Amino acid sequence: FLKWACAIGALTESLKPPKQTWRALCGLEDKEAAYLRSKQPGDLIYWPGVAMTTLNENLAMKYALHRLHERNNLLIIIREVDQGILLGGCALRPREEILLLPAFSILEVLEVDLESTPPKLICEFR
């Protein structure tokens, strides 16, 4: 894993202007969901692995609203992403608009909206 994470990190490019991206987390275990729902503005989330996100908000919402795992689904909105790997030409479906965030990314929580469907964490890429 570490070799792949380093290799992908070496391929990371600067994104100008910064992008906003979405990550649907579906069917989380109760413990994982509770941990993320407990976050407050100013908290940091450390993401150790490469994170696959999308630039397509509608697609992320579709996954996050998927009925099979609806109970512990969560949508993470990540603002100001200024580095990553755009995989537009490599995706199975071009509308996926995949953006890989580098391993060991840090996200700062800006806002927590647990009343929305799906619940949302709005973060800023650090």
N, C-alpha and C. Protein backbone atom coordinates (compact mmCIF):
# COMPACT_ATOMS: atom_id res chain seq x y z
N PHE A 1 0.82 -1.20 0.00
CA PHE A 1 0.00 0.00 0.00
C PHE A 1 0.86 1.26 0.00
N LEU A 2 1.89 1.27 0.84
CA LEU A 2 2.71 2.47 0.98
C LEU A 2 3.39 2.83 -0.34
N LYS A 3 3.86 1.83 -1.07
CA LYS A 3 4.51 2.11 -2.37
C LYS A 3 3.51 2.75 -3.33
N TRP A 4 2.28 2.22 -3.37
CA TRP A 4 1.26 2.78 -4.26
C TRP A 4 0.89 4.20 -3.84
N ALA A 5 0.75 4.42 -2.55
CA ALA A 5 0.40 5.75 -2.07
C ALA A 5 1.48 6.76 -2.44
N CYS A 6 2.73 6.37 -2.32
CA CYS A 6 3.83 7.27 -2.69
C CYS A 6 3.87 7.51 -4.20
N ALA A 7 3.63 6.46 -4.98
CA ALA A 7 3.62 6.61 -6.43
C ALA A 7 2.50 7.55 -6.87
N ILE A 8 1.32 7.37 -6.30
CA ILE A 8 0.20 8.25 -6.65
C ILE A 8 0.49 9.67 -6.17
N GLY A 9 1.10 9.80 -5.01
CA GLY A 9 1.48 11.12 -4.52
C GLY A 9 2.43 11.83 -5.45
N ALA A 10 3.34 11.09 -6.07
CA ALA A 10 4.29 11.68 -7.01
C ALA A 10 3.60 12.18 -8.28
N LEU A 11 2.45 11.60 -8.62
CA LEU A 11 1.71 12.01 -9.81
C LEU A 11 0.76 13.17 -9.55
N THR A 12 0.62 13.56 -8.31
CA THR A 12 -0.30 14.64 -7.94
C THR A 12 0.11 15.93 -8.65
N GLU A 13 -0.90 16.64 -9.15
CA GLU A 13 -0.63 17.90 -9.83
C GLU A 13 -1.33 19.06 -9.11
N SER A 14 -0.82 20.24 -9.33
CA SER A 14 -1.43 21.44 -8.77
C SER A 14 -2.69 21.76 -9.56
N LEU A 15 -3.76 22.11 -8.88
CA LEU A 15 -5.03 22.42 -9.53
C LEU A 15 -5.31 23.91 -9.40
N LYS A 16 -5.35 24.57 -10.53
CA LYS A 16 -5.63 26.00 -10.53
C LYS A 16 -6.72 26.28 -11.54
N PRO A 17 -7.82 26.86 -11.15
CA PRO A 17 -8.18 27.25 -9.79
C PRO A 17 -8.52 26.03 -8.95
N PRO A 18 -8.53 26.18 -7.63
CA PRO A 18 -8.90 25.05 -6.77
C PRO A 18 -10.31 24.56 -7.09
N LYS A 19 -10.54 23.28 -6.84
CA LYS A 19 -11.81 22.63 -7.16
C LYS A 19 -12.61 22.35 -5.88
N GLN A 20 -13.92 22.17 -6.08
CA GLN A 20 -14.77 21.64 -5.03
C GLN A 20 -15.13 20.23 -5.44
N THR A 21 -15.05 19.31 -4.52
CA THR A 21 -15.28 17.90 -4.84
C THR A 21 -16.17 17.27 -3.78
N TRP A 22 -16.71 16.10 -4.12
CA TRP A 22 -17.66 15.41 -3.24
C TRP A 22 -17.24 13.96 -3.05
N ARG A 23 -17.51 13.44 -1.86
CA ARG A 23 -17.24 12.04 -1.56
C ARG A 23 -18.44 11.48 -0.79
N ALA A 24 -19.11 10.49 -1.37
CA ALA A 24 -20.22 9.83 -0.70
C ALA A 24 -19.67 8.64 0.08
N LEU A 25 -19.94 8.61 1.36
CA LEU A 25 -19.56 7.47 2.20
C LEU A 25 -20.85 6.72 2.49
N CYS A 26 -20.93 5.49 2.03
CA CYS A 26 -22.18 4.73 2.10
C CYS A 26 -22.03 3.48 2.94
N GLY A 27 -23.07 3.20 3.73
CA GLY A 27 -23.08 1.97 4.52
C GLY A 27 -22.00 1.92 5.57
N LEU A 28 -21.70 3.06 6.18
CA LEU A 28 -20.68 3.09 7.22
C LEU A 28 -21.10 2.24 8.42
N GLU A 29 -20.13 1.68 9.08
CA GLU A 29 -20.39 1.01 10.35
C GLU A 29 -20.85 2.07 11.36
N ASP A 30 -21.63 1.66 12.34
CA ASP A 30 -22.16 2.61 13.33
C ASP A 30 -21.06 3.44 13.98
N LYS A 31 -19.96 2.79 14.34
CA LYS A 31 -18.86 3.47 15.01
C LYS A 31 -18.23 4.53 14.11
N GLU A 32 -18.03 4.20 12.82
CA GLU A 32 -17.46 5.16 11.87
C GLU A 32 -18.40 6.34 11.66
N ALA A 33 -19.69 6.04 11.49
CA ALA A 33 -20.68 7.10 11.27
C ALA A 33 -20.75 8.03 12.48
N ALA A 34 -20.74 7.47 13.68
CA ALA A 34 -20.80 8.28 14.90
C ALA A 34 -19.57 9.18 15.01
N TYR A 35 -18.40 8.63 14.67
CA TYR A 35 -17.16 9.41 14.72
C TYR A 35 -17.25 10.63 13.80
N LEU A 36 -17.68 10.42 12.56
CA LEU A 36 -17.76 11.53 11.61
C LEU A 36 -18.86 12.52 11.99
N ARG A 37 -19.97 12.01 12.50
CA ARG A 37 -21.07 12.90 12.90
C ARG A 37 -20.73 13.73 14.14
N SER A 38 -19.75 13.29 14.90
CA SER A 38 -19.37 14.04 16.10
C SER A 38 -18.44 15.21 15.79
N LYS A 39 -18.00 15.33 14.57
CA LYS A 39 -17.06 16.40 14.21
C LYS A 39 -17.71 17.77 14.36
N GLN A 40 -16.89 18.75 14.72
CA GLN A 40 -17.32 20.13 14.90
C GLN A 40 -16.47 21.04 14.02
N PRO A 41 -16.99 22.23 13.67
CA PRO A 41 -16.17 23.16 12.89
C PRO A 41 -14.82 23.39 13.56
N GLY A 42 -13.77 23.34 12.76
CA GLY A 42 -12.41 23.49 13.26
C GLY A 42 -11.70 22.17 13.48
N ASP A 43 -12.45 21.07 13.60
CA ASP A 43 -11.83 19.75 13.75
C ASP A 43 -11.12 19.37 12.45
N LEU A 44 -10.10 18.55 12.59
CA LEU A 44 -9.36 18.05 11.43
C LEU A 44 -9.67 16.58 11.21
N ILE A 45 -9.78 16.21 9.94
CA ILE A 45 -9.94 14.81 9.56
C ILE A 45 -8.70 14.41 8.79
N TYR A 46 -8.03 13.41 9.26
CA TYR A 46 -6.83 12.88 8.60
C TYR A 46 -7.27 11.72 7.71
N TRP A 47 -6.98 11.82 6.43
CA TRP A 47 -7.37 10.77 5.47
C TRP A 47 -6.11 10.05 5.03
N PRO A 48 -5.81 8.89 5.60
CA PRO A 48 -4.53 8.24 5.34
C PRO A 48 -4.36 7.68 3.93
N GLY A 49 -5.43 7.23 3.31
CA GLY A 49 -5.31 6.61 1.99
C GLY A 49 -5.66 7.59 0.88
N VAL A 50 -5.43 7.17 -0.34
CA VAL A 50 -5.84 7.96 -1.49
C VAL A 50 -7.37 7.99 -1.50
N ALA A 51 -7.96 9.16 -1.65
CA ALA A 51 -9.42 9.30 -1.60
C ALA A 51 -9.95 9.56 -3.01
N MET A 52 -10.87 8.71 -3.44
CA MET A 52 -11.51 8.92 -4.72
C MET A 52 -12.73 9.81 -4.50
N THR A 53 -12.73 10.96 -5.15
CA THR A 53 -13.84 11.90 -5.05
C THR A 53 -14.35 12.19 -6.45
N THR A 54 -15.43 12.94 -6.54
CA THR A 54 -15.97 13.31 -7.83
C THR A 54 -16.21 14.81 -7.89
N LEU A 55 -16.09 15.36 -9.09
CA LEU A 55 -16.43 16.76 -9.33
C LEU A 55 -17.91 16.90 -9.68
N ASN A 56 -18.60 15.77 -9.78
CA ASN A 56 -20.00 15.72 -10.18
C ASN A 56 -20.88 15.60 -8.93
N GLU A 57 -21.43 16.73 -8.50
CA GLU A 57 -22.25 16.75 -7.29
C GLU A 57 -23.46 15.83 -7.40
N ASN A 58 -24.11 15.81 -8.56
CA ASN A 58 -25.30 14.97 -8.74
C ASN A 58 -24.99 13.49 -8.56
N LEU A 59 -23.86 13.07 -9.07
CA LEU A 59 -23.46 11.67 -8.94
C LEU A 59 -23.20 11.31 -7.48
N ALA A 60 -22.51 12.19 -6.76
CA ALA A 60 -22.24 11.94 -5.34
C ALA A 60 -23.54 11.87 -4.55
N MET A 61 -24.48 12.76 -4.85
CA MET A 61 -25.77 12.74 -4.16
C MET A 61 -26.51 11.44 -4.46
N LYS A 62 -26.45 10.99 -5.69
CA LYS A 62 -27.12 9.75 -6.08
C LYS A 62 -26.59 8.58 -5.24
N TYR A 63 -25.27 8.49 -5.09
CA TYR A 63 -24.68 7.42 -4.28
C TYR A 63 -25.07 7.57 -2.81
N ALA A 64 -25.01 8.79 -2.30
CA ALA A 64 -25.29 9.02 -0.88
C ALA A 64 -26.75 8.76 -0.53
N LEU A 65 -27.64 8.85 -1.51
CA LEU A 65 -29.06 8.61 -1.26
C LEU A 65 -29.48 7.18 -1.60
N HIS A 66 -28.51 6.35 -1.90
CA HIS A 66 -28.79 4.96 -2.26
C HIS A 66 -29.55 4.27 -1.13
N ARG A 67 -30.65 3.68 -1.41
CA ARG A 67 -31.55 3.12 -0.39
C ARG A 67 -30.97 1.94 0.39
N LEU A 68 -30.13 1.14 -0.21
CA LEU A 68 -29.63 -0.05 0.49
C LEU A 68 -28.82 0.28 1.74
N HIS A 69 -28.16 1.41 1.73
CA HIS A 69 -27.28 1.74 2.85
C HIS A 69 -27.62 3.10 3.45
N GLU A 70 -28.82 3.57 3.27
CA GLU A 70 -29.19 4.93 3.61
C GLU A 70 -28.93 5.30 5.07
N ARG A 71 -29.05 4.36 5.99
CA ARG A 71 -28.97 4.67 7.42
C ARG A 71 -27.66 5.36 7.82
N ASN A 72 -26.57 4.88 7.34
CA ASN A 72 -25.28 5.45 7.74
C ASN A 72 -24.52 6.05 6.56
N ASN A 73 -25.25 6.69 5.66
CA ASN A 73 -24.60 7.39 4.56
C ASN A 73 -24.27 8.81 4.98
N LEU A 74 -23.23 9.34 4.35
CA LEU A 74 -22.76 10.69 4.66
C LEU A 74 -22.14 11.27 3.40
N LEU A 75 -22.35 12.55 3.17
CA LEU A 75 -21.75 13.23 2.02
C LEU A 75 -20.71 14.20 2.54
N ILE A 76 -19.50 14.08 2.04
CA ILE A 76 -18.44 15.02 2.41
C ILE A 76 -18.20 15.94 1.21
N ILE A 77 -18.33 17.22 1.45
CA ILE A 77 -18.06 18.23 0.44
C ILE A 77 -16.71 18.84 0.79
N ILE A 78 -15.80 18.82 -0.16
CA ILE A 78 -14.44 19.28 0.11
C ILE A 78 -14.16 20.49 -0.78
N ARG A 79 -13.92 21.62 -0.16
CA ARG A 79 -13.66 22.87 -0.88
C ARG A 79 -12.16 23.13 -0.97
N GLU A 80 -11.82 23.98 -1.92
CA GLU A 80 -10.44 24.48 -2.08
C GLU A 80 -9.40 23.37 -2.28
N VAL A 81 -9.77 22.35 -3.06
CA VAL A 81 -8.81 21.28 -3.36
C VAL A 81 -7.84 21.82 -4.41
N ASP A 82 -6.58 21.97 -4.01
CA ASP A 82 -5.60 22.56 -4.91
C ASP A 82 -4.53 21.57 -5.39
N GLN A 83 -4.73 20.29 -5.06
CA GLN A 83 -3.83 19.27 -5.59
C GLN A 83 -4.55 17.94 -5.65
N GLY A 84 -4.18 17.15 -6.63
CA GLY A 84 -4.80 15.85 -6.81
C GLY A 84 -4.49 15.32 -8.21
N ILE A 85 -5.20 14.28 -8.57
CA ILE A 85 -5.03 13.67 -9.90
C ILE A 85 -6.41 13.58 -10.54
N LEU A 86 -6.59 14.31 -11.64
CA LEU A 86 -7.84 14.24 -12.39
C LEU A 86 -7.82 13.01 -13.27
N LEU A 87 -8.82 12.17 -13.14
CA LEU A 87 -8.88 10.92 -13.91
C LEU A 87 -10.02 10.95 -14.93
N GLY A 88 -10.26 12.09 -15.53
CA GLY A 88 -11.35 12.22 -16.48
C GLY A 88 -11.32 11.17 -17.59
N GLY A 89 -10.19 10.94 -18.20
CA GLY A 89 -10.11 10.00 -19.30
C GLY A 89 -10.02 8.54 -18.87
N CYS A 90 -9.81 8.28 -17.60
CA CYS A 90 -9.63 6.91 -17.12
C CYS A 90 -10.87 6.34 -16.47
N ALA A 91 -11.87 7.15 -16.23
CA ALA A 91 -13.07 6.68 -15.53
C ALA A 91 -13.89 5.77 -16.42
N LEU A 92 -14.61 4.84 -15.81
CA LEU A 92 -15.52 3.97 -16.57
C LEU A 92 -16.58 4.79 -17.28
N ARG A 93 -17.08 5.79 -16.59
CA ARG A 93 -18.10 6.67 -17.15
C ARG A 93 -17.56 8.09 -17.09
N PRO A 94 -17.49 8.79 -18.23
CA PRO A 94 -16.92 10.15 -18.24
C PRO A 94 -17.59 11.10 -17.25
N ARG A 95 -18.89 10.91 -16.99
CA ARG A 95 -19.57 11.82 -16.07
C ARG A 95 -19.12 11.65 -14.62
N GLU A 96 -18.34 10.61 -14.33
CA GLU A 96 -17.85 10.42 -12.97
C GLU A 96 -16.91 11.55 -12.54
N GLU A 97 -16.14 12.09 -13.47
CA GLU A 97 -15.23 13.21 -13.18
C GLU A 97 -14.43 12.95 -11.90
N ILE A 98 -13.67 11.90 -11.88
CA ILE A 98 -12.94 11.48 -10.68
C ILE A 98 -11.73 12.37 -10.42
N LEU A 99 -11.58 12.74 -9.17
CA LEU A 99 -10.40 13.46 -8.69
C LEU A 99 -9.87 12.69 -7.50
N LEU A 100 -8.66 12.18 -7.61
CA LEU A 100 -8.02 11.48 -6.50
C LEU A 100 -7.31 12.49 -5.61
N LEU A 101 -7.62 12.44 -4.33
CA LEU A 101 -6.89 13.26 -3.37
C LEU A 101 -5.68 12.47 -2.91
N PRO A 102 -4.56 13.14 -2.70
CA PRO A 102 -3.36 12.40 -2.30
C PRO A 102 -3.51 11.75 -0.93
N ALA A 103 -2.77 10.68 -0.74
CA ALA A 103 -2.75 10.02 0.57
C ALA A 103 -2.25 11.02 1.62
N PHE A 104 -2.69 10.80 2.82
CA PHE A 104 -2.29 11.61 3.97
C PHE A 104 -2.85 13.04 3.89
N SER A 105 -4.02 13.18 3.25
CA SER A 105 -4.67 14.49 3.15
C SER A 105 -5.28 14.86 4.50
N ILE A 106 -5.38 16.16 4.72
CA ILE A 106 -6.01 16.67 5.93
C ILE A 106 -7.16 17.58 5.50
N LEU A 107 -8.32 17.35 6.11
CA LEU A 107 -9.51 18.14 5.84
C LEU A 107 -9.91 18.87 7.11
N GLU A 108 -10.18 20.15 7.00
CA GLU A 108 -10.67 20.92 8.15
C GLU A 108 -12.19 21.03 8.03
N VAL A 109 -12.89 20.65 9.07
CA VAL A 109 -14.35 20.72 9.08
C VAL A 109 -14.77 22.19 9.20
N LEU A 110 -15.59 22.63 8.25
CA LEU A 110 -16.12 23.99 8.26
C LEU A 110 -17.55 24.03 8.80
N GLU A 111 -18.32 23.00 8.43
CA GLU A 111 -19.74 22.98 8.80
C GLU A 111 -20.21 21.54 8.87
N VAL A 112 -21.12 21.27 9.77
CA VAL A 112 -21.73 19.95 9.92
C VAL A 112 -23.24 20.14 9.81
N ASP A 113 -23.86 19.45 8.86
CA ASP A 113 -25.31 19.54 8.67
C ASP A 113 -25.90 18.14 8.77
N LEU A 114 -26.28 17.76 9.98
CA LEU A 114 -26.81 16.42 10.22
C LEU A 114 -28.31 16.34 9.95
N GLU A 115 -28.95 17.48 9.74
CA GLU A 115 -30.39 17.50 9.49
C GLU A 115 -30.73 17.30 8.01
N SER A 116 -29.76 17.49 7.13
CA SER A 116 -30.03 17.35 5.70
C SER A 116 -30.06 15.87 5.33
N THR A 117 -30.59 15.58 4.15
CA THR A 117 -30.60 14.21 3.63
C THR A 117 -29.84 14.21 2.33
N PRO A 118 -28.70 13.56 2.28
CA PRO A 118 -27.99 12.87 3.36
C PRO A 118 -27.29 13.89 4.27
N PRO A 119 -26.91 13.46 5.48
CA PRO A 119 -26.13 14.35 6.34
C PRO A 119 -24.84 14.74 5.62
N LYS A 120 -24.38 15.97 5.89
CA LYS A 120 -23.21 16.50 5.18
C LYS A 120 -22.15 17.02 6.14
N LEU A 121 -20.91 16.79 5.75
CA LEU A 121 -19.76 17.46 6.36
C LEU A 121 -19.17 18.33 5.27
N ILE A 122 -19.03 19.61 5.55
CA ILE A 122 -18.40 20.52 4.61
C ILE A 122 -17.02 20.82 5.15
N CYS A 123 -16.02 20.53 4.32
CA CYS A 123 -14.62 20.62 4.77
C CYS A 123 -13.81 21.46 3.79
N GLU A 124 -12.64 21.85 4.24
CA GLU A 124 -11.68 22.53 3.38
C GLU A 124 -10.42 21.69 3.33
N PHE A 125 -9.88 21.53 2.13
CA PHE A 125 -8.66 20.77 1.91
C PHE A 125 -7.49 21.56 2.46
N ARG A 126 -6.63 20.92 3.24
CA ARG A 126 -5.46 21.59 3.83
C ARG A 126 -4.18 21.07 3.24
